[in-house]
């Protein structure tokens, strides 16, 4: 229900992952979750941006399962 709070927490997780240079399938999952949150907040352009970013990251790290979810 509280998509704004969820979005805030996802963005904090993303910032931690970026600082740690953590490039793996979890990054794909977080990016897709951010996109999904924007979708539920009716911000479709931002949602599409994050989902596409997730797909790019999935390709980069070879993450098949998160790619199908995104």
Protein backbone atom coordinates (compact mmCIF):
# COMPACT_ATOMS: atom_id res chain seq x y z
CA UNK A 1 0.00 0.00 0.00
CA UNK A 2 2.51 2.73 0.90
CA UNK A 3 4.30 2.90 -2.44
CA UNK A 4 6.04 6.19 -1.66
CA UNK A 5 7.68 4.67 1.43
CA UNK A 6 8.57 1.52 -0.51
CA UNK A 7 10.10 3.64 -3.27
CA UNK A 8 12.16 5.54 -0.70
CA UNK A 9 13.50 2.30 0.77
CA UNK A 10 14.27 0.84 -2.66
CA UNK A 11 16.20 3.99 -3.55
CA UNK A 12 18.18 3.75 -0.31
CA UNK A 13 19.03 0.13 -1.13
CA UNK A 14 20.09 1.13 -4.62
CA UNK A 15 22.38 3.84 -3.23
CA UNK A 16 24.03 1.32 -0.88
CA UNK A 17 24.53 -1.14 -3.73
CA UNK A 18 26.08 1.53 -5.95
CA UNK A 19 28.46 2.65 -3.19
CA UNK A 20 29.51 -0.97 -2.68
CA UNK A 21 29.92 -1.44 -6.46
CA UNK A 22 27.54 -4.39 -6.11
CA UNK A 23 26.74 -5.36 -9.69
CA UNK A 24 24.68 -8.55 -9.60
CA UNK A 25 21.12 -9.77 -10.05
CA UNK A 26 19.98 -8.05 -6.85
CA UNK A 27 20.63 -4.71 -8.55
CA UNK A 28 18.28 -5.77 -11.35
CA UNK A 29 15.61 -6.69 -8.82
CA UNK A 30 15.87 -3.35 -6.99
CA UNK A 31 15.70 -1.40 -10.26
CA UNK A 32 12.62 -3.34 -11.33
CA UNK A 33 11.01 -2.76 -7.91
CA UNK A 34 11.62 0.98 -8.30
CA UNK A 35 9.95 0.83 -11.72
CA UNK A 36 7.01 -1.09 -10.30
CA UNK A 37 6.61 1.45 -7.50
CA UNK A 38 6.52 4.31 -9.99
CA UNK A 39 3.92 2.35 -11.97
CA UNK A 40 1.65 2.10 -8.93
CA UNK A 41 2.19 5.81 -8.30
CA UNK A 42 0.96 6.45 -11.88
CA UNK A 43 4.32 7.88 -13.02
CA UNK A 44 4.53 5.80 -16.17
CA UNK A 45 7.50 7.50 -17.87
CA UNK A 46 9.64 7.05 -14.75
CA UNK A 47 8.40 3.49 -14.40
CA UNK A 48 9.40 2.66 -17.95
CA UNK A 49 12.83 4.26 -17.45
CA UNK A 50 13.59 2.08 -14.41
CA UNK A 51 12.24 -1.11 -15.95
CA UNK A 52 14.40 -0.56 -19.04
CA UNK A 53 17.41 0.13 -16.79
CA UNK A 54 16.70 -3.13 -14.98
CA UNK A 55 16.62 -5.03 -18.27
CA UNK A 56 19.96 -3.50 -19.30
CA UNK A 57 21.51 -4.51 -15.98
CA UNK A 58 20.11 -8.03 -16.32
CA UNK A 59 21.75 -8.34 -19.73
CA UNK A 60 25.03 -7.02 -18.33
CA UNK A 61 25.20 -9.48 -15.43
CA UNK A 62 23.45 -12.43 -17.13
CA UNK A 63 20.51 -12.51 -14.74
CA UNK A 64 17.78 -14.48 -16.50
CA UNK A 65 15.16 -14.83 -13.74
CA UNK A 66 15.06 -11.12 -12.80
CA UNK A 67 14.91 -10.27 -16.51
CA UNK A 68 11.76 -12.33 -16.97
CA UNK A 69 10.24 -10.70 -13.88
CA UNK A 70 10.99 -7.21 -15.18
